[in-house]
Structures are given as structure tokens and as C-alpha cells.
Amino acid sequence: MDKKIDEKAKTVADKTYQYSDYYSNDQLSKGMAVSHEQVSDTYMEGTIDRLEGKNGRDDHAENEEIPRK
């Protein structure tokens, strides 16, 4: 019984995303495709703190003083 579980765990651990996962009927492949899409969307969106720069802009003010030592 433990050997069967170990083999299944190894299969899951060895799995990497493949484009064909979107068209597979395998639950593991479909899960990989969904996870890949979510990570890709999040990466492309960025983070919310990037949107909250000075003066409500993404970049800093043009005449902002840069502290120097």
C-alpha cells in the first residue's frame, strides 16, 4: 500500500507544465494548466503596491529630490 502511494506522489512531484495540459482529460494535467494560467495572469497583472506611487501615479514626481550622502 505504501509503495503505491509513494509511486503516486512521485508522479505528482515529477509533473511539470506542458501546453498540452490544457487539452488533457487527466485531473493532474488540468490542475497544472489552471495553476499555470493563474500564475501567468498574476505575473502579468503585477502587484497592487506598484500602482500606489507618489501623487497617485505609478512613477515618481519628475522633480523629486534624490537624497545623497
Protein backbone atom coordinates (compact mmCIF):
# COMPACT_ATOMS: atom_id res chain seq x y z
CA MET A 1 0.00 0.00 0.00
CA ASP A 2 2.78 2.47 0.91
CA LYS A 3 4.64 1.66 -2.29
CA LYS A 4 1.54 2.54 -4.35
CA ILE A 5 1.20 5.88 -2.52
CA ASP A 6 4.91 6.62 -2.99
CA GLU A 7 4.63 5.99 -6.75
CA LYS A 8 1.62 8.30 -6.99
CA ALA A 9 3.41 11.03 -5.01
CA LYS A 10 6.46 10.74 -7.26
CA THR A 11 4.25 11.11 -10.34
CA VAL A 12 2.78 14.32 -8.95
CA ALA A 13 6.17 15.66 -7.84
CA ASP A 14 7.76 14.97 -11.24
CA LYS A 15 4.98 16.69 -13.19
CA THR A 16 5.78 19.97 -14.94
CA TYR A 17 3.54 22.21 -17.02
CA GLN A 18 3.12 21.30 -20.67
CA TYR A 19 1.00 23.22 -23.18
CA SER A 20 -0.91 20.01 -23.95
CA ASP A 21 -2.21 20.02 -20.34
CA TYR A 22 -4.99 22.39 -21.45
CA TYR A 23 -6.41 19.63 -23.68
CA SER A 24 -5.86 16.66 -21.38
CA ASN A 25 -8.58 14.74 -19.55
CA ASP A 26 -6.22 13.87 -16.69
CA GLN A 27 -7.06 15.66 -13.42
CA LEU A 28 -3.39 16.34 -12.66
CA SER A 29 -2.77 17.86 -16.09
CA LYS A 30 -5.87 20.03 -15.89
CA GLY A 31 -4.78 21.25 -12.45
CA MET A 32 -1.35 22.14 -13.80
CA ALA A 33 -2.94 24.07 -16.67
CA VAL A 34 -5.22 26.04 -14.33
CA SER A 35 -2.36 26.79 -11.91
CA HIS A 36 -0.13 27.90 -14.78
CA GLU A 37 -2.84 30.24 -16.06
CA GLN A 38 -3.37 31.77 -12.60
CA VAL A 39 0.35 32.35 -12.07
CA SER A 40 0.70 33.83 -15.55
CA ASP A 41 -2.24 36.19 -15.01
CA THR A 42 -0.88 37.30 -11.63
CA TYR A 43 2.59 37.89 -13.05
CA MET A 44 1.23 39.97 -15.93
CA GLU A 45 -1.04 41.99 -13.61
CA GLY A 46 1.72 42.98 -11.21
CA THR A 47 1.24 43.94 -7.61
CA ILE A 48 -1.07 46.50 -6.05
CA ASP A 49 1.76 48.39 -4.35
CA ARG A 50 3.17 49.27 -7.76
CA LEU A 51 0.00 51.21 -8.53
CA GLU A 52 0.28 53.38 -5.42
CA GLY A 53 3.25 55.61 -6.20
CA LYS A 54 3.63 59.28 -5.30
CA ASN A 55 0.80 61.57 -6.39
CA GLY A 56 -1.30 58.51 -7.22
CA ARG A 57 0.90 57.72 -10.21
CA ASP A 58 2.93 54.66 -10.99
CA ASP A 59 6.14 56.64 -11.36
CA HIS A 60 7.66 59.29 -9.08
CA ALA A 61 7.35 63.01 -9.49
CA GLU A 62 9.67 64.40 -12.17
CA ASN A 63 11.19 67.00 -9.86
CA GLU A 64 11.65 64.69 -6.90
CA GLU A 65 14.85 65.23 -4.94
CA ILE A 66 17.05 62.15 -4.64
CA PRO A 67 18.73 62.01 -1.22
CA ARG A 68 22.50 61.92 -1.45
CA LYS A 69 25.11 61.27 1.21
